Amino acid sequence: MAQNWTSKIKVFIPPNIDIEPSYQKELSKLDIPVYKGIPAKVNLTNTKVGSISLESGETIQIDTLWWIPPVRPSKLIQRLVENLNLELDEQGNIKTDERQETNVKGLFAAGDIQGWGSIGALTAAYQGGMAAVSMVHEWYDYLK
């Protein structure tokens, strides 16, 4: 996907992570270098990204920076999980059934409240729609 934006891709990984040889081979075929190290500083040149300094002191020239920040639930989500005793999935996200209902009857969760790992705009919209349909059905059954 990144190759649609630039041909100058560089990958940075923490020193304690190894890339599988098959992935490394594919990256090499695509002329994508892999740097091991923890980025310590983004260096700007006239308000533009110019390079990254690693904790090791090494500086690598770059033009653009795209990173995935660590995923942490917001304090509100943490409070909801604790106060409502919500079940979590293997990744630590709020667990729901196929209707987007949590283990608390009548409480539905959809979108980024379930974690960013697999959520995109279309997935979040779909999940929101599923939760809305489920709520309407539940209200209808309740009002009968």
N, C-alpha and C. Protein backbone atom coordinates (compact mmCIF):
# COMPACT_ATOMS: atom_id res chain seq x y z
N MET A 1 0.83 -1.19 0.00
CA MET A 1 0.00 0.00 0.00
C MET A 1 0.87 1.25 0.00
N ALA A 2 1.92 1.24 0.80
CA ALA A 2 2.78 2.42 0.89
C ALA A 2 3.46 2.73 -0.44
N GLN A 3 3.66 1.71 -1.27
CA GLN A 3 4.30 1.94 -2.56
C GLN A 3 3.44 2.80 -3.49
N ASN A 4 2.16 2.92 -3.19
CA ASN A 4 1.31 3.81 -3.97
C ASN A 4 1.62 5.28 -3.67
N TRP A 5 2.24 5.55 -2.52
CA TRP A 5 2.54 6.91 -2.11
C TRP A 5 3.98 7.32 -2.40
N THR A 6 4.89 6.37 -2.32
CA THR A 6 6.30 6.72 -2.50
C THR A 6 7.11 5.48 -2.90
N SER A 7 8.22 5.72 -3.56
CA SER A 7 9.13 4.62 -3.89
C SER A 7 10.31 4.61 -2.92
N LYS A 8 10.32 5.52 -1.94
CA LYS A 8 11.43 5.64 -0.98
C LYS A 8 11.02 5.14 0.40
N ILE A 9 10.59 3.90 0.48
CA ILE A 9 10.13 3.33 1.75
C ILE A 9 11.31 2.85 2.58
N LYS A 10 11.24 3.12 3.87
CA LYS A 10 12.22 2.62 4.84
C LYS A 10 11.42 2.10 6.02
N VAL A 11 11.81 0.94 6.54
CA VAL A 11 11.10 0.33 7.66
C VAL A 11 11.98 0.39 8.89
N PHE A 12 11.36 0.80 10.02
CA PHE A 12 12.06 0.85 11.29
C PHE A 12 11.37 -0.12 12.24
N ILE A 13 12.17 -1.00 12.87
CA ILE A 13 11.60 -1.95 13.83
C ILE A 13 12.43 -1.92 15.10
N PRO A 14 11.81 -2.25 16.22
CA PRO A 14 12.58 -2.31 17.48
C PRO A 14 13.66 -3.38 17.38
N PRO A 15 14.77 -3.18 18.08
CA PRO A 15 15.88 -4.12 18.00
C PRO A 15 15.54 -5.53 18.46
N ASN A 16 14.54 -5.68 19.31
CA ASN A 16 14.20 -7.01 19.84
C ASN A 16 13.24 -7.79 18.95
N ILE A 17 12.89 -7.25 17.80
CA ILE A 17 11.98 -7.93 16.87
C ILE A 17 12.76 -8.37 15.63
N ASP A 18 12.55 -9.61 15.25
CA ASP A 18 13.17 -10.13 14.03
C ASP A 18 12.11 -10.28 12.94
N ILE A 19 12.50 -9.97 11.72
CA ILE A 19 11.60 -10.15 10.58
C ILE A 19 11.83 -11.55 10.02
N GLU A 20 10.75 -12.23 9.72
CA GLU A 20 10.87 -13.56 9.14
C GLU A 20 11.68 -13.46 7.84
N PRO A 21 12.53 -14.45 7.57
CA PRO A 21 13.37 -14.41 6.37
C PRO A 21 12.57 -14.20 5.08
N SER A 22 11.37 -14.78 4.98
CA SER A 22 10.58 -14.60 3.75
C SER A 22 10.16 -13.15 3.57
N TYR A 23 9.82 -12.46 4.68
CA TYR A 23 9.45 -11.04 4.59
C TYR A 23 10.68 -10.20 4.25
N GLN A 24 11.81 -10.54 4.89
CA GLN A 24 13.04 -9.80 4.63
C GLN A 24 13.42 -9.93 3.15
N LYS A 25 13.25 -11.13 2.59
CA LYS A 25 13.57 -11.37 1.19
C LYS A 25 12.68 -10.50 0.28
N GLU A 26 11.38 -10.44 0.60
CA GLU A 26 10.45 -9.62 -0.19
C GLU A 26 10.80 -8.15 -0.10
N LEU A 27 11.13 -7.68 1.10
CA LEU A 27 11.53 -6.28 1.27
C LEU A 27 12.79 -5.97 0.48
N SER A 28 13.74 -6.89 0.50
CA SER A 28 14.98 -6.71 -0.27
C SER A 28 14.70 -6.63 -1.76
N LYS A 29 13.81 -7.51 -2.25
CA LYS A 29 13.45 -7.47 -3.67
C LYS A 29 12.87 -6.12 -4.07
N LEU A 30 12.17 -5.50 -3.12
CA LEU A 30 11.53 -4.20 -3.39
C LEU A 30 12.44 -3.02 -3.05
N ASP A 31 13.70 -3.31 -2.72
CA ASP A 31 14.67 -2.28 -2.32
C ASP A 31 14.18 -1.45 -1.13
N ILE A 32 13.59 -2.13 -0.16
CA ILE A 32 13.11 -1.46 1.06
C ILE A 32 14.05 -1.84 2.20
N PRO A 33 14.86 -0.87 2.67
CA PRO A 33 15.77 -1.17 3.77
C PRO A 33 15.03 -1.26 5.11
N VAL A 34 15.55 -2.11 5.99
CA VAL A 34 15.00 -2.26 7.33
C VAL A 34 16.04 -1.78 8.33
N TYR A 35 15.65 -0.86 9.19
CA TYR A 35 16.54 -0.33 10.23
C TYR A 35 16.04 -0.82 11.58
N LYS A 36 16.97 -1.37 12.36
CA LYS A 36 16.61 -1.79 13.71
C LYS A 36 17.03 -0.70 14.68
N GLY A 37 16.07 -0.24 15.44
CA GLY A 37 16.36 0.79 16.42
C GLY A 37 15.08 1.50 16.83
N ILE A 38 15.16 2.19 17.93
CA ILE A 38 14.03 2.94 18.46
C ILE A 38 14.17 4.39 18.02
N PRO A 39 13.19 4.90 17.25
CA PRO A 39 13.25 6.33 16.89
C PRO A 39 13.19 7.18 18.16
N ALA A 40 14.14 8.09 18.28
CA ALA A 40 14.21 8.96 19.45
C ALA A 40 13.80 10.38 19.12
N LYS A 41 13.96 10.76 17.84
CA LYS A 41 13.67 12.14 17.48
C LYS A 41 13.36 12.23 16.00
N VAL A 42 12.37 13.04 15.67
CA VAL A 42 12.08 13.38 14.28
C VAL A 42 12.72 14.74 14.04
N ASN A 43 13.62 14.80 13.06
CA ASN A 43 14.34 16.03 12.77
C ASN A 43 13.66 16.76 11.61
N LEU A 44 13.39 18.04 11.83
CA LEU A 44 12.72 18.85 10.81
C LEU A 44 13.70 19.75 10.10
N THR A 45 13.41 20.02 8.84
CA THR A 45 14.15 20.99 8.04
C THR A 45 13.11 21.94 7.47
N ASN A 46 13.12 23.18 7.93
CA ASN A 46 12.12 24.16 7.49
C ASN A 46 10.69 23.62 7.63
N THR A 47 10.36 23.12 8.78
CA THR A 47 9.05 22.57 9.15
C THR A 47 8.66 21.30 8.39
N LYS A 48 9.60 20.68 7.66
CA LYS A 48 9.34 19.42 6.97
C LYS A 48 10.17 18.32 7.61
N VAL A 49 9.63 17.11 7.62
CA VAL A 49 10.38 15.97 8.13
C VAL A 49 11.62 15.79 7.26
N GLY A 50 12.79 15.66 7.90
CA GLY A 50 14.02 15.50 7.15
C GLY A 50 14.77 14.23 7.48
N SER A 51 14.68 13.81 8.75
CA SER A 51 15.38 12.59 9.15
C SER A 51 14.83 12.11 10.49
N ILE A 52 15.26 10.89 10.82
CA ILE A 52 14.92 10.26 12.11
C ILE A 52 16.23 9.96 12.81
N SER A 53 16.31 10.31 14.08
CA SER A 53 17.45 9.92 14.90
C SER A 53 17.02 8.75 15.76
N LEU A 54 17.80 7.69 15.72
CA LEU A 54 17.53 6.52 16.55
C LEU A 54 18.22 6.68 17.90
N GLU A 55 17.76 5.92 18.89
CA GLU A 55 18.39 5.97 20.22
C GLU A 55 19.87 5.66 20.16
N SER A 56 20.28 4.87 19.16
CA SER A 56 21.69 4.51 19.00
C SER A 56 22.54 5.69 18.55
N GLY A 57 21.88 6.77 18.11
CA GLY A 57 22.61 7.93 17.60
C GLY A 57 22.62 7.99 16.08
N GLU A 58 22.28 6.89 15.43
CA GLU A 58 22.24 6.86 13.96
C GLU A 58 21.11 7.76 13.46
N THR A 59 21.39 8.49 12.38
CA THR A 59 20.38 9.35 11.76
C THR A 59 20.13 8.86 10.34
N ILE A 60 18.85 8.69 10.02
CA ILE A 60 18.46 8.20 8.69
C ILE A 60 17.60 9.26 8.02
N GLN A 61 17.99 9.61 6.79
CA GLN A 61 17.24 10.60 6.02
C GLN A 61 15.89 10.03 5.58
N ILE A 62 14.84 10.81 5.74
CA ILE A 62 13.51 10.44 5.27
C ILE A 62 12.81 11.68 4.76
N ASP A 63 11.75 11.48 3.98
CA ASP A 63 10.97 12.61 3.47
C ASP A 63 9.60 12.70 4.15
N THR A 64 9.08 11.56 4.51
CA THR A 64 7.75 11.47 5.11
C THR A 64 7.80 10.42 6.20
N LEU A 65 6.93 10.56 7.18
CA LEU A 65 6.90 9.60 8.27
C LEU A 65 5.48 9.10 8.46
N TRP A 66 5.34 7.78 8.49
CA TRP A 66 4.07 7.14 8.79
C TRP A 66 4.36 6.09 9.84
N TRP A 67 3.64 6.16 10.96
CA TRP A 67 3.87 5.19 12.01
C TRP A 67 2.54 4.77 12.62
N ILE A 68 2.59 3.64 13.29
CA ILE A 68 1.42 3.14 13.99
C ILE A 68 1.72 3.31 15.48
N PRO A 69 1.02 4.25 16.12
CA PRO A 69 1.28 4.46 17.54
C PRO A 69 0.78 3.28 18.37
N PRO A 70 1.30 3.13 19.58
CA PRO A 70 0.82 2.04 20.43
C PRO A 70 -0.68 2.20 20.67
N VAL A 71 -1.38 1.09 20.69
CA VAL A 71 -2.82 1.13 20.88
C VAL A 71 -3.12 1.02 22.37
N ARG A 72 -3.73 2.04 22.89
CA ARG A 72 -4.15 2.04 24.29
C ARG A 72 -5.58 2.55 24.35
N PRO A 73 -6.44 1.86 25.08
CA PRO A 73 -7.81 2.37 25.19
C PRO A 73 -7.82 3.69 25.95
N SER A 74 -8.76 4.56 25.59
CA SER A 74 -8.88 5.84 26.30
C SER A 74 -9.30 5.58 27.74
N LYS A 75 -9.12 6.59 28.59
CA LYS A 75 -9.48 6.44 29.99
C LYS A 75 -10.98 6.18 30.14
N LEU A 76 -11.79 6.77 29.27
CA LEU A 76 -13.23 6.54 29.33
C LEU A 76 -13.55 5.06 29.06
N ILE A 77 -12.92 4.50 28.04
CA ILE A 77 -13.15 3.09 27.72
C ILE A 77 -12.67 2.20 28.87
N GLN A 78 -11.52 2.53 29.44
CA GLN A 78 -11.01 1.76 30.58
C GLN A 78 -12.00 1.80 31.74
N ARG A 79 -12.58 2.99 32.00
CA ARG A 79 -13.56 3.12 33.07
C ARG A 79 -14.81 2.31 32.79
N LEU A 80 -15.28 2.34 31.54
CA LEU A 80 -16.46 1.56 31.17
C LEU A 80 -16.20 0.06 31.40
N VAL A 81 -15.04 -0.39 30.95
CA VAL A 81 -14.68 -1.81 31.11
C VAL A 81 -14.70 -2.19 32.58
N GLU A 82 -14.07 -1.36 33.42
CA GLU A 82 -13.99 -1.66 34.85
C GLU A 82 -15.35 -1.55 35.53
N ASN A 83 -16.05 -0.45 35.30
CA ASN A 83 -17.32 -0.20 36.01
C ASN A 83 -18.43 -1.15 35.59
N LEU A 84 -18.44 -1.56 34.33
CA LEU A 84 -19.50 -2.43 33.83
C LEU A 84 -19.07 -3.89 33.78
N ASN A 85 -17.82 -4.15 34.17
CA ASN A 85 -17.28 -5.51 34.15
C ASN A 85 -17.40 -6.14 32.76
N LEU A 86 -16.99 -5.38 31.75
CA LEU A 86 -17.07 -5.86 30.37
C LEU A 86 -16.01 -6.91 30.10
N GLU A 87 -16.38 -7.92 29.35
CA GLU A 87 -15.42 -8.95 28.94
C GLU A 87 -14.55 -8.40 27.82
N LEU A 88 -13.29 -8.83 27.80
CA LEU A 88 -12.34 -8.41 26.77
C LEU A 88 -11.95 -9.63 25.93
N ASP A 89 -11.56 -9.36 24.67
CA ASP A 89 -11.09 -10.44 23.81
C ASP A 89 -9.60 -10.68 24.04
N GLU A 90 -8.99 -11.54 23.22
CA GLU A 90 -7.57 -11.90 23.38
C GLU A 90 -6.64 -10.71 23.23
N GLN A 91 -7.06 -9.69 22.45
CA GLN A 91 -6.22 -8.51 22.25
C GLN A 91 -6.47 -7.42 23.29
N GLY A 92 -7.40 -7.68 24.22
CA GLY A 92 -7.70 -6.68 25.25
C GLY A 92 -8.76 -5.68 24.83
N ASN A 93 -9.47 -5.96 23.74
CA ASN A 93 -10.54 -5.08 23.28
C ASN A 93 -11.89 -5.57 23.80
N ILE A 94 -12.88 -4.69 23.82
CA ILE A 94 -14.20 -5.06 24.29
C ILE A 94 -14.76 -6.17 23.41
N LYS A 95 -15.17 -7.26 24.05
CA LYS A 95 -15.67 -8.43 23.35
C LYS A 95 -17.17 -8.26 23.07
N THR A 96 -17.58 -8.60 21.84
CA THR A 96 -18.99 -8.54 21.47
C THR A 96 -19.37 -9.82 20.73
N ASP A 97 -20.68 -10.05 20.65
CA ASP A 97 -21.16 -11.16 19.84
C ASP A 97 -21.37 -10.68 18.40
N GLU A 98 -21.97 -11.53 17.56
CA GLU A 98 -22.16 -11.18 16.15
C GLU A 98 -23.11 -10.00 15.97
N ARG A 99 -23.88 -9.65 17.01
CA ARG A 99 -24.80 -8.50 16.92
C ARG A 99 -24.18 -7.25 17.51
N GLN A 100 -22.92 -7.32 17.91
CA GLN A 100 -22.17 -6.22 18.52
C GLN A 100 -22.59 -5.98 19.97
N GLU A 101 -23.28 -6.95 20.60
CA GLU A 101 -23.69 -6.79 22.00
C GLU A 101 -22.57 -7.31 22.90
N THR A 102 -22.30 -6.57 23.97
CA THR A 102 -21.30 -6.98 24.94
C THR A 102 -21.90 -8.01 25.89
N ASN A 103 -21.12 -8.43 26.87
CA ASN A 103 -21.64 -9.37 27.86
C ASN A 103 -22.68 -8.72 28.79
N VAL A 104 -22.83 -7.39 28.72
CA VAL A 104 -23.85 -6.69 29.48
C VAL A 104 -25.07 -6.54 28.58
N LYS A 105 -26.17 -7.19 28.94
CA LYS A 105 -27.37 -7.18 28.11
C LYS A 105 -27.81 -5.75 27.82
N GLY A 106 -28.03 -5.48 26.52
CA GLY A 106 -28.48 -4.16 26.10
C GLY A 106 -27.38 -3.15 25.87
N LEU A 107 -26.12 -3.55 26.08
CA LEU A 107 -24.99 -2.64 25.85
C LEU A 107 -24.22 -3.14 24.62
N PHE A 108 -24.17 -2.30 23.60
CA PHE A 108 -23.54 -2.64 22.34
C PHE A 108 -22.26 -1.83 22.17
N ALA A 109 -21.30 -2.39 21.45
CA ALA A 109 -20.03 -1.71 21.18
C ALA A 109 -19.69 -1.89 19.71
N ALA A 110 -19.25 -0.81 19.07
CA ALA A 110 -18.89 -0.88 17.66
C ALA A 110 -17.80 0.15 17.36
N GLY A 111 -17.04 -0.10 16.31
CA GLY A 111 -16.03 0.85 15.86
C GLY A 111 -14.76 0.79 16.69
N ASP A 112 -14.11 1.95 16.86
CA ASP A 112 -12.80 1.99 17.49
C ASP A 112 -12.84 1.66 18.98
N ILE A 113 -14.00 1.64 19.60
CA ILE A 113 -14.09 1.23 21.00
C ILE A 113 -13.67 -0.23 21.15
N GLN A 114 -13.67 -0.96 20.04
CA GLN A 114 -13.24 -2.36 20.05
C GLN A 114 -11.78 -2.50 19.63
N GLY A 115 -11.07 -1.41 19.51
CA GLY A 115 -9.66 -1.46 19.16
C GLY A 115 -9.42 -1.06 17.73
N TRP A 116 -8.25 -0.50 17.46
CA TRP A 116 -7.92 0.02 16.12
C TRP A 116 -7.28 -1.03 15.23
N GLY A 117 -6.85 -2.16 15.82
CA GLY A 117 -6.11 -3.14 15.04
C GLY A 117 -6.78 -3.56 13.74
N SER A 118 -8.05 -3.81 13.75
CA SER A 118 -8.73 -4.28 12.55
C SER A 118 -9.83 -3.33 12.11
N ILE A 119 -9.84 -2.14 12.67
CA ILE A 119 -10.92 -1.21 12.38
C ILE A 119 -10.50 -0.21 11.31
N GLY A 120 -11.31 -0.12 10.30
CA GLY A 120 -11.20 0.93 9.31
C GLY A 120 -12.57 1.59 9.25
N ALA A 121 -12.68 2.63 8.46
CA ALA A 121 -13.94 3.36 8.39
C ALA A 121 -15.09 2.46 7.96
N LEU A 122 -14.86 1.61 6.96
CA LEU A 122 -15.95 0.75 6.49
C LEU A 122 -16.34 -0.28 7.53
N THR A 123 -15.36 -0.85 8.21
CA THR A 123 -15.65 -1.83 9.26
C THR A 123 -16.42 -1.16 10.40
N ALA A 124 -15.98 0.01 10.81
CA ALA A 124 -16.66 0.73 11.89
C ALA A 124 -18.09 1.06 11.50
N ALA A 125 -18.30 1.50 10.25
CA ALA A 125 -19.65 1.82 9.79
C ALA A 125 -20.53 0.57 9.78
N TYR A 126 -19.97 -0.53 9.30
CA TYR A 126 -20.71 -1.79 9.27
C TYR A 126 -21.09 -2.21 10.68
N GLN A 127 -20.12 -2.16 11.60
CA GLN A 127 -20.39 -2.55 12.98
C GLN A 127 -21.44 -1.65 13.62
N GLY A 128 -21.36 -0.36 13.35
CA GLY A 128 -22.36 0.57 13.88
C GLY A 128 -23.74 0.24 13.36
N GLY A 129 -23.83 -0.11 12.08
CA GLY A 129 -25.11 -0.51 11.48
C GLY A 129 -25.65 -1.78 12.11
N MET A 130 -24.77 -2.75 12.33
CA MET A 130 -25.18 -4.01 12.97
C MET A 130 -25.68 -3.74 14.39
N ALA A 131 -24.99 -2.89 15.12
CA ALA A 131 -25.42 -2.57 16.48
C ALA A 131 -26.78 -1.87 16.46
N ALA A 132 -26.98 -0.95 15.52
CA ALA A 132 -28.26 -0.24 15.42
C ALA A 132 -29.40 -1.20 15.11
N VAL A 133 -29.19 -2.11 14.16
CA VAL A 133 -30.22 -3.10 13.82
C VAL A 133 -30.53 -3.97 15.04
N SER A 134 -29.50 -4.41 15.74
CA SER A 134 -29.69 -5.25 16.92
C SER A 134 -30.46 -4.51 18.00
N MET A 135 -30.15 -3.23 18.21
CA MET A 135 -30.87 -2.45 19.22
C MET A 135 -32.34 -2.29 18.87
N VAL A 136 -32.62 -1.99 17.61
CA VAL A 136 -34.01 -1.83 17.17
C VAL A 136 -34.78 -3.13 17.39
N HIS A 137 -34.18 -4.25 17.02
CA HIS A 137 -34.84 -5.55 17.23
C HIS A 137 -35.10 -5.79 18.71
N GLU A 138 -34.11 -5.45 19.55
CA GLU A 138 -34.29 -5.66 20.98
C GLU A 138 -35.39 -4.75 21.53
N TRP A 139 -35.42 -3.50 21.10
CA TRP A 139 -36.48 -2.58 21.56
C TRP A 139 -37.85 -3.07 21.10
N TYR A 140 -37.91 -3.53 19.87
CA TYR A 140 -39.18 -4.02 19.32
C TYR A 140 -39.68 -5.21 20.14
N ASP A 141 -38.78 -6.14 20.44
CA ASP A 141 -39.16 -7.30 21.25
C ASP A 141 -39.60 -6.89 22.65
N TYR A 142 -38.95 -5.87 23.20
CA TYR A 142 -39.27 -5.38 24.54
C TYR A 142 -40.65 -4.73 24.56
N LEU A 143 -40.99 -3.99 23.50
CA LEU A 143 -42.26 -3.25 23.45
C LEU A 143 -43.45 -4.13 23.11
N LYS A 144 -43.23 -5.34 22.65
CA LYS A 144 -44.34 -6.23 22.28
C LYS A 144 -45.21 -6.54 23.46
